[in-house]
C-alpha atoms as a PDB file:
ATOM      1  CA  MET A   1      66.884 -13.302 -59.654  1.00  0.00           C
ATOM      2  CA  THR A   2      65.479 -16.775 -59.020  1.00  0.00           C
ATOM      3  CA  ASP A   3      62.078 -15.280 -58.218  1.00  0.00           C
ATOM      4  CA  LEU A   4      61.987 -13.637 -61.640  1.00  0.00           C
ATOM      5  CA  PHE A   5      62.309 -16.996 -63.372  1.00  0.00           C
ATOM      6  CA  ASP A   6      60.067 -18.946 -61.004  1.00  0.00           C
ATOM      7  CA  ILE A   7      57.328 -20.904 -62.813  1.00  0.00           C
ATOM      8  CA  LYS A   8      56.672 -23.482 -60.099  1.00  0.00           C
ATOM      9  CA  GLY A   9      53.115 -24.765 -60.092  1.00  0.00           C
ATOM     10  CA  LYS A  10      52.085 -22.918 -63.237  1.00  0.00           C
ATOM     11  CA  VAL A  11      50.139 -25.012 -65.726  1.00  0.00           C
ATOM     12  CA  ALA A  12      51.984 -25.051 -69.058  1.00  0.00           C
ATOM     13  CA  LEU A  13      50.472 -26.488 -72.247  1.00  0.00           C
ATOM     14  CA  VAL A  14      52.924 -27.351 -75.027  1.00  0.00           C
ATOM     15  CA  THR A  15      51.368 -28.482 -78.300  1.00  0.00           C
ATOM     16  CA  GLY A  16      53.140 -31.022 -80.485  1.00  0.00           C
ATOM     17  CA  ALA A  17      55.323 -32.036 -77.539  1.00  0.00           C
ATOM     18  CA  THR A  18      55.511 -35.775 -78.187  1.00  0.00           C
ATOM     19  CA  HIS A  19      58.938 -35.460 -79.813  1.00  0.00           C
ATOM     20  CA  GLY A  20      61.666 -33.130 -81.047  1.00  0.00           C
ATOM     21  CA  LEU A  21      62.004 -29.517 -80.013  1.00  0.00           C
ATOM     22  CA  GLY A  22      58.528 -29.462 -78.490  1.00  0.00           C
ATOM     23  CA  MET A  23      59.551 -32.198 -76.095  1.00  0.00           C
ATOM     24  CA  ALA A  24      62.799 -30.387 -75.261  1.00  0.00           C
ATOM     25  CA  MET A  25      60.961 -27.185 -74.372  1.00  0.00           C
ATOM     26  CA  ALA A  26      58.308 -29.076 -72.437  1.00  0.00           C
ATOM     27  CA  LYS A  27      61.009 -30.820 -70.382  1.00  0.00           C
ATOM     28  CA  ALA A  28      62.642 -27.478 -69.615  1.00  0.00           C
ATOM     29  CA  LEU A  29      59.382 -26.055 -68.286  1.00  0.00           C
ATOM     30  CA  ALA A  30      58.728 -29.151 -66.161  1.00  0.00           C
ATOM     31  CA  GLU A  31      62.273 -29.185 -64.811  1.00  0.00           C
ATOM     32  CA  HIS A  32      61.743 -25.603 -63.642  1.00  0.00           C
ATOM     33  CA  GLY A  33      58.604 -26.556 -61.756  1.00  0.00           C
ATOM     34  CA  ALA A  34      55.730 -26.071 -64.188  1.00  0.00           C
ATOM     35  CA  THR A  35      52.810 -28.481 -64.228  1.00  0.00           C
ATOM     36  CA  LEU A  36      53.289 -29.941 -67.694  1.00  0.00           C
ATOM     37  CA  VAL A  37      50.515 -30.675 -70.165  1.00  0.00           C
ATOM     38  CA  ILE A  38      51.387 -31.944 -73.629  1.00  0.00           C
ATOM     39  CA  ASN A  39      49.276 -32.228 -76.745  1.00  0.00           C
ATOM     40  CA  GLY A  40      49.531 -34.663 -79.627  1.00  0.00           C
ATOM     41  CA  HIS A  41      47.194 -36.342 -82.085  1.00  0.00           C
ATOM     42  CA  THR A  42      48.629 -39.859 -82.465  1.00  0.00           C
ATOM     43  CA  PRO A  43      47.896 -42.286 -79.594  1.00  0.00           C
ATOM     44  CA  SER A  44      51.040 -44.397 -80.084  1.00  0.00           C
ATOM     45  CA  LYS A  45      53.295 -41.323 -80.112  1.00  0.00           C
ATOM     46  CA  MET A  46      51.570 -39.937 -77.034  1.00  0.00           C
ATOM     47  CA  GLU A  47      52.040 -43.203 -75.157  1.00  0.00           C
ATOM     48  CA  ALA A  48      55.737 -43.332 -76.050  1.00  0.00           C
ATOM     49  CA  ALA A  49      56.210 -39.675 -75.149  1.00  0.00           C
ATOM     50  CA  LEU A  50      54.579 -39.989 -71.743  1.00  0.00           C
ATOM     51  CA  GLU A  51      56.823 -42.965 -71.009  1.00  0.00           C
ATOM     52  CA  ALA A  52      59.876 -40.932 -72.049  1.00  0.00           C
ATOM     53  CA  TYR A  53      58.879 -38.079 -69.746  1.00  0.00           C
ATOM     54  CA  LYS A  54      58.246 -40.540 -66.918  1.00  0.00           C
ATOM     55  CA  ASN A  55      61.699 -42.071 -67.378  1.00  0.00           C
ATOM     56  CA  GLU A  56      63.163 -38.612 -66.732  1.00  0.00           C
ATOM     57  CA  GLY A  57      61.069 -38.096 -63.617  1.00  0.00           C
ATOM     58  CA  ILE A  58      58.536 -35.797 -65.270  1.00  0.00           C
ATOM     59  CA  ASP A  59      54.835 -36.240 -64.582  1.00  0.00           C
ATOM     60  CA  ALA A  60      53.405 -35.008 -67.869  1.00  0.00           C
ATOM     61  CA  LYS A  61      49.692 -35.055 -68.614  1.00  0.00           C
ATOM     62  CA  GLY A  62      48.753 -35.877 -72.205  1.00  0.00           C
ATOM     63  CA  TYR A  63      45.688 -34.730 -74.136  1.00  0.00           C
ATOM     64  CA  LEU A  64      44.976 -35.968 -77.663  1.00  0.00           C
ATOM     65  CA  PHE A  65      43.285 -33.487 -79.989  1.00  0.00           C
ATOM     66  CA  ASP A  66      43.609 -31.887 -83.417  1.00  0.00           C
ATOM     67  CA  VAL A  67      44.931 -28.349 -82.991  1.00  0.00           C
ATOM     68  CA  THR A  68      43.116 -27.230 -86.166  1.00  0.00           C
ATOM     69  CA  ASP A  69      39.705 -28.334 -84.847  1.00  0.00           C
ATOM     70  CA  VAL A  70      38.096 -25.397 -83.015  1.00  0.00           C
ATOM     71  CA  SER A  71      35.556 -27.460 -81.094  1.00  0.00           C
ATOM     72  CA  ALA A  72      38.172 -30.037 -80.062  1.00  0.00           C
ATOM     73  CA  VAL A  73      40.544 -27.294 -78.901  1.00  0.00           C
ATOM     74  CA  ASN A  74      37.884 -25.517 -76.846  1.00  0.00           C
ATOM     75  CA  LYS A  75      36.687 -28.775 -75.319  1.00  0.00           C
ATOM     76  CA  ASN A  76      40.185 -29.865 -74.319  1.00  0.00           C
ATOM     77  CA  ILE A  77      41.250 -26.461 -72.993  1.00  0.00           C
ATOM     78  CA  ALA A  78      38.182 -26.510 -70.753  1.00  0.00           C
ATOM     79  CA  GLN A  79      38.990 -30.064 -69.658  1.00  0.00           C
ATOM     80  CA  ILE A  80      42.636 -29.252 -68.895  1.00  0.00           C
ATOM     81  CA  GLU A  81      41.636 -26.282 -66.761  1.00  0.00           C
ATOM     82  CA  ALA A  82      38.995 -28.381 -64.982  1.00  0.00           C
ATOM     83  CA  ASP A  83      41.529 -31.153 -64.317  1.00  0.00           C
ATOM     84  CA  LEU A  84      44.647 -29.153 -63.441  1.00  0.00           C
ATOM     85  CA  GLY A  85      43.799 -25.492 -63.063  1.00  0.00           C
ATOM     86  CA  ALA A  86      44.161 -22.407 -65.206  1.00  0.00           C
ATOM     87  CA  ILE A  87      46.622 -22.544 -68.089  1.00  0.00           C
ATOM     88  CA  ALA A  88      49.239 -19.882 -67.353  1.00  0.00           C
ATOM     89  CA  ILE A  89      51.638 -20.743 -70.190  1.00  0.00           C
ATOM     90  CA  LEU A  90      50.841 -21.795 -73.762  1.00  0.00           C
ATOM     91  CA  VAL A  91      53.582 -22.871 -76.157  1.00  0.00           C
ATOM     92  CA  ASN A  92      52.218 -23.137 -79.695  1.00  0.00           C
ATOM     93  CA  ASN A  93      54.742 -25.621 -81.047  1.00  0.00           C
ATOM     94  CA  ALA A  94      52.693 -28.023 -83.199  1.00  0.00           C
ATOM     95  CA  GLY A  95      53.609 -27.637 -86.846  1.00  0.00           C
ATOM     96  CA  MET A  96      54.349 -29.293 -90.145  1.00  0.00           C
ATOM     97  CA  ILE A  97      56.364 -28.720 -93.305  1.00  0.00           C
ATOM     98  CA  MET A  98      56.024 -29.922 -96.890  1.00  0.00           C
ATOM     99  CA  ARG A  99      59.086 -29.533 -99.087  1.00  0.00           C
ATOM    100  CA  VAL A 100      57.607 -29.085-102.562  1.00  0.00           C
ATOM    101  CA  PRO A 101      58.625 -26.610-105.286  1.00  0.00           C
ATOM    102  CA  ALA A 102      56.061 -23.815-105.549  1.00  0.00           C
ATOM    103  CA  LEU A 103      55.221 -24.664-109.174  1.00  0.00           C
ATOM    104  CA  GLU A 104      54.346 -28.210-108.154  1.00  0.00           C
ATOM    105  CA  MET A 105      52.550 -27.658-104.848  1.00  0.00           C
ATOM    106  CA  ASP A 106      48.866 -28.496-104.675  1.00  0.00           C
ATOM    107  CA  PRO A 107      46.937 -25.517-103.256  1.00  0.00           C
ATOM    108  CA  GLU A 108      45.176 -27.882-100.840  1.00  0.00           C
ATOM    109  CA  ASP A 109      48.551 -28.902 -99.396  1.00  0.00           C
ATOM    110  CA  PHE A 110      49.484 -25.225 -99.117  1.00  0.00           C
ATOM    111  CA  ARG A 111      46.273 -24.615 -97.150  1.00  0.00           C
ATOM    112  CA  LYS A 112      46.975 -27.615 -94.914  1.00  0.00           C
ATOM    113  CA  VAL A 113      50.400 -26.292 -93.915  1.00  0.00           C
ATOM    114  CA  VAL A 114      49.021 -22.814 -93.234  1.00  0.00           C
ATOM    115  CA  ASP A 115      46.142 -24.316 -91.242  1.00  0.00           C
ATOM    116  CA  VAL A 116      48.511 -26.198 -88.929  1.00  0.00           C
ATOM    117  CA  ASP A 117      51.318 -23.645 -88.683  1.00  0.00           C
ATOM    118  CA  LEU A 118      49.352 -20.394 -88.585  1.00  0.00           C
ATOM    119  CA  VAL A 119      45.635 -20.912 -87.997  1.00  0.00           C
ATOM    120  CA  SER A 120      46.019 -23.421 -85.154  1.00  0.00           C
ATOM    121  CA  PRO A 121      48.199 -21.072 -83.036  1.00  0.00           C
ATOM    122  CA  PHE A 122      45.426 -18.481 -83.352  1.00  0.00           C
ATOM    123  CA  ILE A 123      42.791 -21.035 -82.311  1.00  0.00           C
ATOM    124  CA  LEU A 124      44.833 -22.125 -79.258  1.00  0.00           C
ATOM    125  CA  ALA A 125      45.794 -18.581 -78.285  1.00  0.00           C
ATOM    126  CA  GLN A 126      42.197 -17.400 -78.477  1.00  0.00           C
ATOM    127  CA  ALA A 127      40.999 -20.358 -76.402  1.00  0.00           C
ATOM    128  CA  VAL A 128      43.473 -19.841 -73.552  1.00  0.00           C
ATOM    129  CA  ALA A 129      43.381 -16.037 -73.662  1.00  0.00           C
ATOM    130  CA  LYS A 130      39.706 -15.903 -72.746  1.00  0.00           C
ATOM    131  CA  SER A 131      40.461 -17.208 -69.265  1.00  0.00           C
ATOM    132  CA  MET A 132      43.803 -15.357 -69.087  1.00  0.00           C
ATOM    133  CA  VAL A 133      41.902 -12.076 -69.560  1.00  0.00           C
ATOM    134  CA  LYS A 134      39.607 -12.934 -66.658  1.00  0.00           C
ATOM    135  CA  ARG A 135      42.573 -13.816 -64.418  1.00  0.00           C
ATOM    136  CA  GLY A 136      44.605 -10.773 -65.415  1.00  0.00           C
ATOM    137  CA  GLY A 137      47.612 -12.330 -67.130  1.00  0.00           C
ATOM    138  CA  GLY A 138      49.336 -15.142 -68.959  1.00  0.00           C
ATOM    139  CA  LYS A 139      52.147 -16.130 -71.300  1.00  0.00           C
ATOM    140  CA  ILE A 140      51.738 -17.235 -74.917  1.00  0.00           C
ATOM    141  CA  ILE A 141      54.781 -18.364 -76.886  1.00  0.00           C
ATOM    142  CA  ASN A 142      54.519 -19.052 -80.606  1.00  0.00           C
ATOM    143  CA  ILE A 143      57.239 -21.190 -82.153  1.00  0.00           C
ATOM    144  CA  CYS A 144      58.248 -19.309 -85.255  1.00  0.00           C
ATOM    145  CA  SER A 145      61.241 -20.052 -87.493  1.00  0.00           C
ATOM    146  CA  MET A 146      64.111 -18.495 -89.364  1.00  0.00           C
ATOM    147  CA  MET A 147      61.633 -18.814 -92.252  1.00  0.00           C
ATOM    148  CA  SER A 148      59.682 -16.061 -90.476  1.00  0.00           C
ATOM    149  CA  GLU A 149      62.426 -13.823 -91.897  1.00  0.00           C
ATOM    150  CA  LEU A 150      63.963 -15.677 -94.849  1.00  0.00           C
ATOM    151  CA  GLY A 151      62.789 -17.597 -97.875  1.00  0.00           C
ATOM    152  CA  ARG A 152      64.166 -20.939 -99.041  1.00  0.00           C
ATOM    153  CA  ASP A 153      63.535 -23.271-101.954  1.00  0.00           C
ATOM    154  CA  THR A 154      60.591 -25.699-101.636  1.00  0.00           C
ATOM    155  CA  VAL A 155      59.106 -24.300 -98.400  1.00  0.00           C
ATOM    156  CA  SER A 156      56.775 -21.572 -99.677  1.00  0.00           C
ATOM    157  CA  ALA A 157      53.808 -22.686 -97.558  1.00  0.00           C
ATOM    158  CA  TYR A 158      55.885 -23.123 -94.403  1.00  0.00           C
ATOM    159  CA  ALA A 159      57.631 -19.761 -94.852  1.00  0.00           C
ATOM    160  CA  ALA A 160      54.331 -18.006 -95.565  1.00  0.00           C
ATOM    161  CA  ALA A 161      52.804 -19.522 -92.426  1.00  0.00           C
ATOM    162  CA  LYS A 162      55.781 -18.766 -90.192  1.00  0.00           C
ATOM    163  CA  GLY A 163      56.013 -15.221 -91.510  1.00  0.00           C
ATOM    164  CA  GLY A 164      52.332 -14.851 -90.736  1.00  0.00           C
ATOM    165  CA  LEU A 165      52.902 -16.313 -87.270  1.00  0.00           C
ATOM    166  CA  LYS A 166      55.458 -13.607 -86.556  1.00  0.00           C
ATOM    167  CA  MET A 167      52.893 -10.934 -87.384  1.00  0.00           C
ATOM    168  CA  LEU A 168      50.115 -12.769 -85.512  1.00  0.00           C
ATOM    169  CA  THR A 169      52.407 -12.737 -82.472  1.00  0.00           C
ATOM    170  CA  ARG A 170      52.857  -8.982 -82.737  1.00  0.00           C
ATOM    171  CA  ASN A 171      49.173  -8.292 -83.295  1.00  0.00           C
ATOM    172  CA  LEU A 172      47.992 -10.448 -80.396  1.00  0.00           C
ATOM    173  CA  ALA A 173      50.590  -8.762 -78.192  1.00  0.00           C
ATOM    174  CA  THR A 174      49.220  -5.402 -79.275  1.00  0.00           C
ATOM    175  CA  GLU A 175      45.628  -6.363 -78.433  1.00  0.00           C
ATOM    176  CA  TRP A 176      46.226  -8.287 -75.232  1.00  0.00           C
ATOM    177  CA  ALA A 177      49.058  -6.425 -73.489  1.00  0.00           C
ATOM    178  CA  LYS A 178      46.481  -4.359 -71.608  1.00  0.00           C
ATOM    179  CA  TYR A 179      45.333  -7.584 -69.935  1.00  0.00           C
ATOM    180  CA  ASN A 180      48.891  -8.388 -68.772  1.00  0.00           C
ATOM    181  CA  ILE A 181      49.205 -11.133 -71.395  1.00  0.00           C
ATOM    182  CA  GLN A 182      52.617 -11.365 -73.021  1.00  0.00           C
ATOM    183  CA  VAL A 183      52.664 -12.888 -76.509  1.00  0.00           C
ATOM    184  CA  ASN A 184      56.127 -13.604 -77.878  1.00  0.00           C
ATOM    185  CA  GLY A 185      57.834 -16.040 -80.199  1.00  0.00           C
ATOM    186  CA  ILE A 186      60.898 -18.244 -80.421  1.00  0.00           C
ATOM    187  CA  GLY A 187      62.586 -18.782 -83.769  1.00  0.00           C
ATOM    188  CA  PRO A 188      64.802 -21.887 -83.676  1.00  0.00           C
ATOM    189  CA  GLY A 189      67.684 -22.283 -86.087  1.00  0.00           C
ATOM    190  CA  TYR A 190      68.939 -25.672 -87.237  1.00  0.00           C
ATOM    191  CA  PHE A 191      68.863 -28.186 -84.403  1.00  0.00           C
ATOM    192  CA  ALA A 192      70.190 -31.670 -83.789  1.00  0.00           C
ATOM    193  CA  THR A 193      67.061 -33.813 -83.547  1.00  0.00           C
ATOM    194  CA  GLU A 194      66.049 -37.306 -84.623  1.00  0.00           C
ATOM    195  CA  GLN A 195      64.625 -35.778 -87.781  1.00  0.00           C
ATOM    196  CA  THR A 196      67.951 -34.201 -88.781  1.00  0.00           C
ATOM    197  CA  ALA A 197      70.119 -37.171 -87.752  1.00  0.00           C
ATOM    198  CA  PRO A 198      70.420 -38.603 -91.326  1.00  0.00           C
ATOM    199  CA  ILE A 199      71.976 -35.392 -92.639  1.00  0.00           C
ATOM    200  CA  ARG A 200      74.119 -34.560 -89.593  1.00  0.00           C
ATOM    201  CA  VAL A 201      77.042 -36.679 -90.738  1.00  0.00           C
ATOM    202  CA  ASP A 202      80.510 -35.665 -91.852  1.00  0.00           C
ATOM    203  CA  GLY A 203      80.660 -35.170 -95.585  1.00  0.00           C
ATOM    204  CA  HIS A 204      76.950 -34.590 -96.094  1.00  0.00           C
ATOM    205  CA  PRO A 205      76.587 -31.358 -98.131  1.00  0.00           C
ATOM    206  CA  PHE A 206      73.785 -29.954 -95.969  1.00  0.00           C
ATOM    207  CA  ASN A 207      75.674 -30.712 -92.760  1.00  0.00           C
ATOM    208  CA  GLU A 208      78.725 -28.916 -94.114  1.00  0.00           C
ATOM    209  CA  TRP A 209      76.582 -25.992 -95.250  1.00  0.00           C
ATOM    210  CA  ILE A 210      74.913 -25.564 -91.837  1.00  0.00           C
ATOM    211  CA  ILE A 211      78.221 -25.631 -89.972  1.00  0.00           C
ATOM    212  CA  SER A 212      79.826 -23.171 -92.391  1.00  0.00           C
ATOM    213  CA  ARG A 213      76.771 -20.880 -92.430  1.00  0.00           C
ATOM    214  CA  THR A 214      76.315 -20.724 -88.641  1.00  0.00           C
ATOM    215  CA  PRO A 215      78.666 -18.350 -86.781  1.00  0.00           C
ATOM    216  CA  ALA A 216      78.559 -20.681 -83.768  1.00  0.00           C
ATOM    217  CA  GLY A 217      79.929 -23.396 -86.051  1.00  0.00           C
ATOM    218  CA  ARG A 218      77.535 -26.128 -84.941  1.00  0.00           C
ATOM    219  CA  TRP A 219      73.967 -27.390 -84.927  1.00  0.00           C
ATOM    220  CA  GLY A 220      71.849 -26.302 -82.013  1.00  0.00           C
ATOM    221  CA  ASP A 221      71.301 -28.738 -79.172  1.00  0.00           C
ATOM    222  CA  PRO A 222      67.623 -28.979 -78.102  1.00  0.00           C
ATOM    223  CA  SER A 223      68.708 -27.909 -74.609  1.00  0.00           C
ATOM    224  CA  ASP A 224      69.735 -24.560 -76.114  1.00  0.00           C
ATOM    225  CA  LEU A 225      66.029 -23.660 -76.188  1.00  0.00           C
ATOM    226  CA  ALA A 226      65.547 -24.119 -72.429  1.00  0.00           C
ATOM    227  CA  GLY A 227      66.607 -20.625 -71.396  1.00  0.00           C
ATOM    228  CA  ALA A 228      64.463 -18.929 -74.029  1.00  0.00           C
ATOM    229  CA  VAL A 229      61.263 -20.802 -73.195  1.00  0.00           C
ATOM    230  CA  VAL A 230      61.693 -20.421 -69.425  1.00  0.00           C
ATOM    231  CA  PHE A 231      62.472 -16.704 -69.791  1.00  0.00           C
ATOM    232  CA  LEU A 232      59.391 -16.045 -71.924  1.00  0.00           C
ATOM    233  CA  SER A 233      57.245 -18.090 -69.511  1.00  0.00           C
ATOM    234  CA  SER A 234      58.336 -16.247 -66.374  1.00  0.00           C
ATOM    235  CA  LYS A 235      57.995 -12.856 -64.685  1.00  0.00           C
ATOM    236  CA  ALA A 236      61.392 -11.970 -66.118  1.00  0.00           C
ATOM    237  CA  SER A 237      59.661 -11.226 -69.434  1.00  0.00           C
ATOM    238  CA  ASP A 238      56.677  -9.271 -68.068  1.00  0.00           C
ATOM    239  CA  PHE A 239      57.593  -6.174 -70.116  1.00  0.00           C
ATOM    240  CA  VAL A 240      58.621  -8.124 -73.213  1.00  0.00           C
ATOM    241  CA  ASN A 241      55.793  -8.307 -75.719  1.00  0.00           C
ATOM    242  CA  GLY A 242      55.472  -8.981 -79.440  1.00  0.00           C
ATOM    243  CA  GLN A 243      59.106 -10.047 -79.817  1.00  0.00           C
ATOM    244  CA  ILE A 244      60.630 -13.016 -81.647  1.00  0.00           C
ATOM    245  CA  LEU A 245      63.692 -14.444 -79.912  1.00  0.00           C
ATOM    246  CA  TYR A 246      65.799 -16.206 -82.526  1.00  0.00           C
ATOM    247  CA  VAL A 247      67.875 -19.059 -81.137  1.00  0.00           C
ATOM    248  CA  ASP A 248      69.920 -19.777 -84.236  1.00  0.00           C
ATOM    249  CA  GLY A 249      73.621 -19.603 -83.417  1.00  0.00           C
ATOM    250  CA  GLY A 250      73.824 -16.255 -85.191  1.00  0.00           C
ATOM    251  CA  ILE A 251      72.632 -17.235 -88.686  1.00  0.00           C
ATOM    252  CA  LEU A 252      70.233 -14.316 -89.078  1.00  0.00           C
ATOM    253  CA  ALA A 253      72.838 -11.857 -87.860  1.00  0.00           C
ATOM    254  CA  THR A 254      75.265 -12.395 -90.710  1.00  0.00           C
ATOM    255  CA  ILE A 255      75.518 -12.809 -94.476  1.00  0.00           C
ATOM    256  CA  GLY A 256      77.908 -15.670 -93.922  1.00  0.00           C
ATOM    257  CA  LYS A 257      80.498 -17.078 -91.552  1.00  0.00           C
ATOM    258  CA  PRO A 258      83.985 -15.818 -92.437  1.00  0.00           C
ATOM    259  CA  GLN A 259      86.221 -18.502 -93.826  1.00  0.00           C
ATOM    260  CA  ASP A 260      89.403 -19.321 -91.925  1.00  0.00           C
END
């Protein structure tokens, strides 16, 4: 079975991997032998991230570019492949969210969220797929969301983009499967990250709601994503295509956790 999950030496690009869940997935790939490349757009965050990877014994390579800029993406993809070799694994993780009621949201902000969360994964996937087609295979993983399936107050742009990303995943899988390219997605639930730390405290209404709503009865730990990202990056998933793997503690499987 170890051969099925072997990704040693494969070049893996993870966008938005300077912090949070992107960093957790990037670490998992590196710890399983992948040659790790991370993307970000803020120099100070990139510097801090590379130091954090180094402190854990991971030799990550960082490339700064805007994932919504087609020319910058194409230039950097070409540079990465010239520096390190062909990109075998792409994790489209970079994203953003604006929590604004739909009646109050500026259409330009709506477009900005969609541009980052939906258009940029297409730009990156197209850029890496061109060489994947020539080589006869590759893995593309789009980081979707529970909002790919459900709506929620104040996140209309994010939910629209993530729902679109689910369907982009399926359509790219449909077009590119004949080239031995697997395009799948991961849909994280609610995870314990630095961003959620302020609300993950006893007595906070949202904390109580998440715990009561999740059948597993807890927030996800970033390490819970390791198995999913390694699986979808390896030979073990060679006949898995166009699927979204939800890592959510069971939230989407139920209308509510039974009360004791």
